[in-house]
C-alpha atoms as a PDB file:
ATOM      1  CA  MET A   1      -0.035   0.011  -0.005  1.00  0.00           C
ATOM      2  CA  ILE A   2       1.022   3.626  -0.640  1.00  0.00           C
ATOM      3  CA  GLU A   3       0.039   6.710   1.205  1.00  0.00           C
ATOM      4  CA  CYS A   4      -1.499   9.822  -0.544  1.00  0.00           C
ATOM      5  CA  PRO A   5       0.782  12.799   0.401  1.00  0.00           C
ATOM      6  CA  SER A   6      -2.407  15.139   0.674  1.00  0.00           C
ATOM      7  CA  CYS A   7      -4.908  13.304   2.530  1.00  0.00           C
ATOM      8  CA  LYS A   8      -3.154  10.261   3.843  1.00  0.00           C
ATOM      9  CA  HIS A   9      -5.550   7.961   2.355  1.00  0.00           C
ATOM     10  CA  SER A  10      -4.102   4.453   1.596  1.00  0.00           C
ATOM     11  CA  GLU A  11      -4.004   3.069  -1.967  1.00  0.00           C
ATOM     12  CA  PHE A  12      -2.603   0.056  -3.615  1.00  0.00           C
ATOM     13  CA  VAL A  13       0.901   0.465  -5.089  1.00  0.00           C
ATOM     14  CA  GLY A  14       0.522   1.264  -8.846  1.00  0.00           C
ATOM     15  CA  THR A  15      -2.519   3.608  -8.232  1.00  0.00           C
ATOM     16  CA  LEU A  16      -2.143   6.832 -10.245  1.00  0.00           C
ATOM     17  CA  TYR A  17      -4.533   9.080  -8.455  1.00  0.00           C
ATOM     18  CA  CYS A  18      -5.829   9.143  -4.900  1.00  0.00           C
ATOM     19  CA  SER A  19      -9.444   7.814  -4.850  1.00  0.00           C
ATOM     20  CA  GLU A  20     -10.215  10.299  -1.916  1.00  0.00           C
ATOM     21  CA  CYS A  21      -8.901  13.559  -2.973  1.00  0.00           C
ATOM     22  CA  GLY A  22      -7.670  13.162  -6.721  1.00  0.00           C
ATOM     23  CA  THR A  23      -3.943  13.964  -6.045  1.00  0.00           C
ATOM     24  CA  ARG A  24      -1.503  12.321  -8.511  1.00  0.00           C
ATOM     25  CA  LEU A  25       0.342   9.611  -6.790  1.00  0.00           C
ATOM     26  CA  VAL A  26       2.988   8.998  -9.355  1.00  0.00           C
ATOM     27  CA  HIS A  27       6.063  11.145  -8.681  1.00  0.00           C
ATOM     28  CA  THR A  28       4.672  12.790  -5.611  1.00  0.00           C
ATOM     29  CA  ALA A  29       6.640  14.060  -2.569  1.00  0.00           C
ATOM     30  CA  PRO A  30       5.464  14.368   1.236  1.00  0.00           C
ATOM     31  CA  ILE A  31       3.457  17.168   1.945  1.00  0.00           C
ATOM     32  CA  GLY A  32       5.525  20.006   3.481  1.00  0.00           C
ATOM     33  CA  SER A  33       4.926  21.957   6.742  1.00  0.00           C
ATOM     34  CA  GLY A  34       4.028  25.268   4.889  1.00  0.00           C
ATOM     35  CA  GLY A  35       5.342  27.910   7.360  1.00  0.00           C
ATOM     36  CA  ASP A  36       4.839  31.505   7.277  1.00  0.00           C
ATOM     37  CA  PHE A  37       4.405  33.409   4.150  1.00  0.00           C
ATOM     38  CA  VAL A  38       4.461  37.039   3.275  1.00  0.00           C
ATOM     39  CA  GLU A  39       3.204  38.945   0.303  1.00  0.00           C
ATOM     40  CA  PHE A  40       4.767  38.889  -3.091  1.00  0.00           C
ATOM     41  CA  ASP A  41       6.648  41.774  -4.776  1.00  0.00           C
ATOM     42  CA  SER A  42       4.857  44.024  -6.839  1.00  0.00           C
ATOM     43  CA  PRO A  43       4.403  42.813 -10.742  1.00  0.00           C
ATOM     44  CA  ASP A  44       7.553  42.895 -12.757  1.00  0.00           C
ATOM     45  CA  THR A  45       7.371  45.253 -15.644  1.00  0.00           C
ATOM     46  CA  SER A  46      10.722  44.739 -17.163  1.00  0.00           C
ATOM     47  CA  GLU A  47      10.994  43.173 -20.725  1.00  0.00           C
ATOM     48  CA  GLY A  48      11.113  39.385 -20.674  1.00  0.00           C
ATOM     49  CA  PRO A  49      12.510  37.103 -18.032  1.00  0.00           C
ATOM     50  CA  ALA A  50      15.746  38.014 -16.229  1.00  0.00           C
ATOM     51  CA  PRO A  51      18.122  35.311 -15.118  1.00  0.00           C
ATOM     52  CA  GLY A  52      17.683  34.611 -11.390  1.00  0.00           C
ATOM     53  CA  PRO A  53      19.038  32.340  -8.771  1.00  0.00           C
ATOM     54  CA  GLY A  54      17.425  28.899  -8.435  1.00  0.00           C
ATOM     55  CA  LEU A  55      14.659  28.855  -6.103  1.00  0.00           C
ATOM     56  CA  ALA A  56      16.002  28.067  -2.660  1.00  0.00           C
ATOM     57  CA  ALA A  57      13.959  25.798   0.005  1.00  0.00           C
ATOM     58  CA  GLY A  58      12.121  28.284   2.227  1.00  0.00           C
ATOM     59  CA  ALA A  59      11.201  30.639  -0.944  1.00  0.00           C
ATOM     60  CA  ILE A  60       7.845  32.145  -1.417  1.00  0.00           C
ATOM     61  CA  PHE A  61       6.661  30.813  -4.692  1.00  0.00           C
ATOM     62  CA  GLY A  62       3.915  31.628  -7.119  1.00  0.00           C
ATOM     63  CA  LEU A  63       2.933  32.046 -10.732  1.00  0.00           C
ATOM     64  CA  ARG A  64       1.727  35.382 -12.384  1.00  0.00           C
ATOM     65  CA  VAL A  65      -0.578  35.040 -15.180  1.00  0.00           C
ATOM     66  CA  MET A  66       0.952  37.319 -17.699  1.00  0.00           C
ATOM     67  CA  LYS A  67      -2.319  38.261 -19.595  1.00  0.00           C
ATOM     68  CA  THR A  68      -4.049  39.372 -16.369  1.00  0.00           C
ATOM     69  CA  GLY A  69      -1.357  40.211 -13.768  1.00  0.00           C
ATOM     70  CA  ASP A  70      -3.198  37.952 -11.231  1.00  0.00           C
ATOM     71  CA  MET A  71      -1.024  35.842  -8.879  1.00  0.00           C
ATOM     72  CA  VAL A  72      -1.507  32.108  -8.357  1.00  0.00           C
ATOM     73  CA  SER A  73       0.130  31.415  -4.982  1.00  0.00           C
ATOM     74  CA  LEU A  74       1.712  28.013  -4.412  1.00  0.00           C
ATOM     75  CA  ALA A  75       2.394  27.723  -0.725  1.00  0.00           C
ATOM     76  CA  GLY A  76       1.783  24.932   1.801  1.00  0.00           C
ATOM     77  CA  ARG A  77       2.468  21.783  -0.504  1.00  0.00           C
ATOM     78  CA  ASP A  78       5.361  20.295  -2.262  1.00  0.00           C
ATOM     79  CA  ASN A  79       3.568  19.593  -5.657  1.00  0.00           C
ATOM     80  CA  TYR A  80       0.713  21.128  -7.611  1.00  0.00           C
ATOM     81  CA  THR A  81      -0.924  19.931 -10.886  1.00  0.00           C
ATOM     82  CA  LEU A  82      -1.829  22.700 -13.263  1.00  0.00           C
ATOM     83  CA  GLY A  83      -4.680  22.416 -15.819  1.00  0.00           C
ATOM     84  CA  ARG A  84      -8.180  22.906 -16.405  1.00  0.00           C
ATOM     85  CA  SER A  85     -11.290  21.490 -14.951  1.00  0.00           C
ATOM     86  CA  ALA A  86     -14.215  19.839 -17.102  1.00  0.00           C
ATOM     87  CA  GLY A  87     -17.872  19.479 -15.982  1.00  0.00           C
ATOM     88  CA  SER A  88     -17.918  15.853 -15.382  1.00  0.00           C
ATOM     89  CA  GLN A  89     -14.156  15.228 -14.758  1.00  0.00           C
ATOM     90  CA  ALA A  90     -13.495  13.055 -11.576  1.00  0.00           C
ATOM     91  CA  ILE A  91      -9.968  14.217 -11.191  1.00  0.00           C
ATOM     92  CA  VAL A  92      -9.329  18.122 -11.058  1.00  0.00           C
ATOM     93  CA  PRO A  93      -6.105  19.979 -11.238  1.00  0.00           C
ATOM     94  CA  ASP A  94      -4.616  21.519  -7.879  1.00  0.00           C
ATOM     95  CA  VAL A  95      -4.570  24.858  -9.733  1.00  0.00           C
ATOM     96  CA  ASP A  96      -7.469  25.352 -12.122  1.00  0.00           C
ATOM     97  CA  LEU A  97      -6.603  27.803 -14.806  1.00  0.00           C
ATOM     98  CA  ASP A  98     -10.095  27.664 -16.509  1.00  0.00           C
ATOM     99  CA  ILE A  99     -10.916  31.109 -15.086  1.00  0.00           C
ATOM    100  CA  TYR A 100      -8.150  32.622 -17.528  1.00  0.00           C
ATOM    101  CA  GLY A 101      -9.739  30.838 -20.587  1.00  0.00           C
ATOM    102  CA  ALA A 102      -7.448  27.534 -20.364  1.00  0.00           C
ATOM    103  CA  LYS A 103      -9.503  25.478 -22.741  1.00  0.00           C
ATOM    104  CA  ASP A 104      -9.191  28.282 -25.637  1.00  0.00           C
ATOM    105  CA  GLN A 105      -5.512  28.500 -24.859  1.00  0.00           C
ATOM    106  CA  GLY A 106      -4.867  24.768 -25.428  1.00  0.00           C
ATOM    107  CA  ILE A 107      -4.229  23.708 -21.714  1.00  0.00           C
ATOM    108  CA  SER A 108      -4.974  19.954 -21.021  1.00  0.00           C
ATOM    109  CA  ARG A 109      -6.915  19.131 -18.104  1.00  0.00           C
ATOM    110  CA  LEU A 110      -3.777  17.812 -16.207  1.00  0.00           C
ATOM    111  CA  HIS A 111      -1.120  19.894 -18.240  1.00  0.00           C
ATOM    112  CA  ALA A 112       1.934  20.039 -15.921  1.00  0.00           C
ATOM    113  CA  GLU A 113       3.080  19.623 -12.444  1.00  0.00           C
ATOM    114  CA  ILE A 114       5.146  22.074  -9.999  1.00  0.00           C
ATOM    115  CA  ARG A 115       7.493  19.961  -7.736  1.00  0.00           C
ATOM    116  CA  MET A 116       9.284  21.672  -4.773  1.00  0.00           C
ATOM    117  CA  ASP A 117      11.823  20.013  -2.851  1.00  0.00           C
ATOM    118  CA  LYS A 118      15.388  20.857  -1.187  1.00  0.00           C
ATOM    119  CA  SER A 119      17.127  20.870  -4.533  1.00  0.00           C
ATOM    120  CA  GLY A 120      14.825  23.620  -5.959  1.00  0.00           C
ATOM    121  CA  VAL A 121      11.414  24.110  -8.040  1.00  0.00           C
ATOM    122  CA  HIS A 122      10.791  22.094 -10.980  1.00  0.00           C
ATOM    123  CA  VAL A 123       8.161  21.770 -13.797  1.00  0.00           C
ATOM    124  CA  VAL A 124       7.114  18.601 -15.358  1.00  0.00           C
ATOM    125  CA  ASP A 125       4.845  18.339 -18.637  1.00  0.00           C
ATOM    126  CA  LEU A 126       2.312  15.595 -17.860  1.00  0.00           C
ATOM    127  CA  ASP A 127       2.150  14.403 -21.592  1.00  0.00           C
ATOM    128  CA  SER A 128       0.046  17.519 -22.405  1.00  0.00           C
ATOM    129  CA  VAL A 129      -1.351  17.905 -26.091  1.00  0.00           C
ATOM    130  CA  ASN A 130       0.187  21.309 -26.522  1.00  0.00           C
ATOM    131  CA  GLY A 131       3.357  21.059 -24.651  1.00  0.00           C
ATOM    132  CA  THR A 132       5.206  23.159 -21.894  1.00  0.00           C
ATOM    133  CA  LEU A 133       7.856  25.724 -22.583  1.00  0.00           C
ATOM    134  CA  ILE A 134      10.157  27.471 -20.255  1.00  0.00           C
ATOM    135  CA  ASN A 135      11.457  30.848 -21.566  1.00  0.00           C
ATOM    136  CA  GLY A 136      10.442  29.777 -25.262  1.00  0.00           C
ATOM    137  CA  LYS A 137      12.025  26.349 -25.273  1.00  0.00           C
ATOM    138  CA  ARG A 138       9.881  23.204 -25.300  1.00  0.00           C
ATOM    139  CA  ILE A 139      10.627  20.741 -22.494  1.00  0.00           C
ATOM    140  CA  GLU A 140      10.441  16.919 -22.727  1.00  0.00           C
ATOM    141  CA  PRO A 141       7.258  15.409 -21.191  1.00  0.00           C
ATOM    142  CA  GLN A 142       7.715  13.457 -17.853  1.00  0.00           C
ATOM    143  CA  SER A 143      11.200  15.138 -17.226  1.00  0.00           C
ATOM    144  CA  PRO A 144      11.561  17.691 -14.531  1.00  0.00           C
ATOM    145  CA  HIS A 145      13.042  20.970 -15.543  1.00  0.00           C
ATOM    146  CA  GLU A 146      14.479  23.630 -12.992  1.00  0.00           C
ATOM    147  CA  LEU A 147      12.507  26.901 -12.630  1.00  0.00           C
ATOM    148  CA  HIS A 148      14.227  30.178 -11.589  1.00  0.00           C
ATOM    149  CA  ASN A 149      12.788  33.574 -10.489  1.00  0.00           C
ATOM    150  CA  LYS A 150      11.120  35.345 -13.396  1.00  0.00           C
ATOM    151  CA  ASP A 151      11.283  32.302 -15.778  1.00  0.00           C
ATOM    152  CA  ILE A 152       8.216  32.383 -18.277  1.00  0.00           C
ATOM    153  CA  VAL A 153       6.407  29.032 -18.278  1.00  0.00           C
ATOM    154  CA  GLN A 154       4.036  28.586 -21.186  1.00  0.00           C
ATOM    155  CA  LEU A 155       1.208  25.991 -20.939  1.00  0.00           C
ATOM    156  CA  GLY A 156      -0.331  25.653 -24.461  1.00  0.00           C
ATOM    157  CA  ARG A 157      -0.556  29.538 -25.232  1.00  0.00           C
ATOM    158  CA  MET A 158      -0.854  30.669 -21.552  1.00  0.00           C
ATOM    159  CA  GLN A 159       2.056  32.337 -20.354  1.00  0.00           C
ATOM    160  CA  LEU A 160       2.923  32.376 -16.509  1.00  0.00           C
ATOM    161  CA  GLN A 161       5.859  34.101 -14.725  1.00  0.00           C
ATOM    162  CA  VAL A 162       7.536  32.469 -12.003  1.00  0.00           C
ATOM    163  CA  VAL A 163       7.684  34.815  -8.707  1.00  0.00           C
ATOM    164  CA  SER A 164       9.897  33.792  -5.914  1.00  0.00           C
ATOM    165  CA  ARG A 165      11.128  35.592  -2.819  1.00  0.00           C
ATOM    166  CA  ILE A 166      13.210  34.171   0.187  1.00  0.00           C
ATOM    167  CA  ARG A 167      11.213  34.656   3.403  1.00  0.00           C
ATOM    168  CA  GLY A 168      11.933  37.646   5.241  1.00  0.00           C
ATOM    169  CA  ARG A 169      13.580  39.587   2.478  1.00  0.00           C
END
């Protein structure tokens, strides 16, 4: 048996999704403790992504929807699935981008996963139809790719900017 990192429900080895909460069980890491988080910096208005340091453990992390400037906070867990919901879909992504027109922008229902651990923050394309790009370069499906502050992650045609800040700074 394996344990769901989100709800601690027991599942058989080889199960892909938790039957209780829908969390993806393949390649998941245990849930972190969360901790105290502060507000993100104001939106970056510079041209394109600037190279930045890797995202250290303890960093405040989120994604800015480039089209609207809205911030999607990713705090309190070690992994998040990104995608869009569908009316009768039993499994929904942790971050539902449907409110930003995800279907029209070519985002799959379970498009990508963000993973955070001691080595940094990574994005993994989950065999999406339209792929995932980092700073304009397509990444291989099912292979983790490190993210840095101000990187542009593109899911289908939707662009999201990585926002990171070390706690207390």
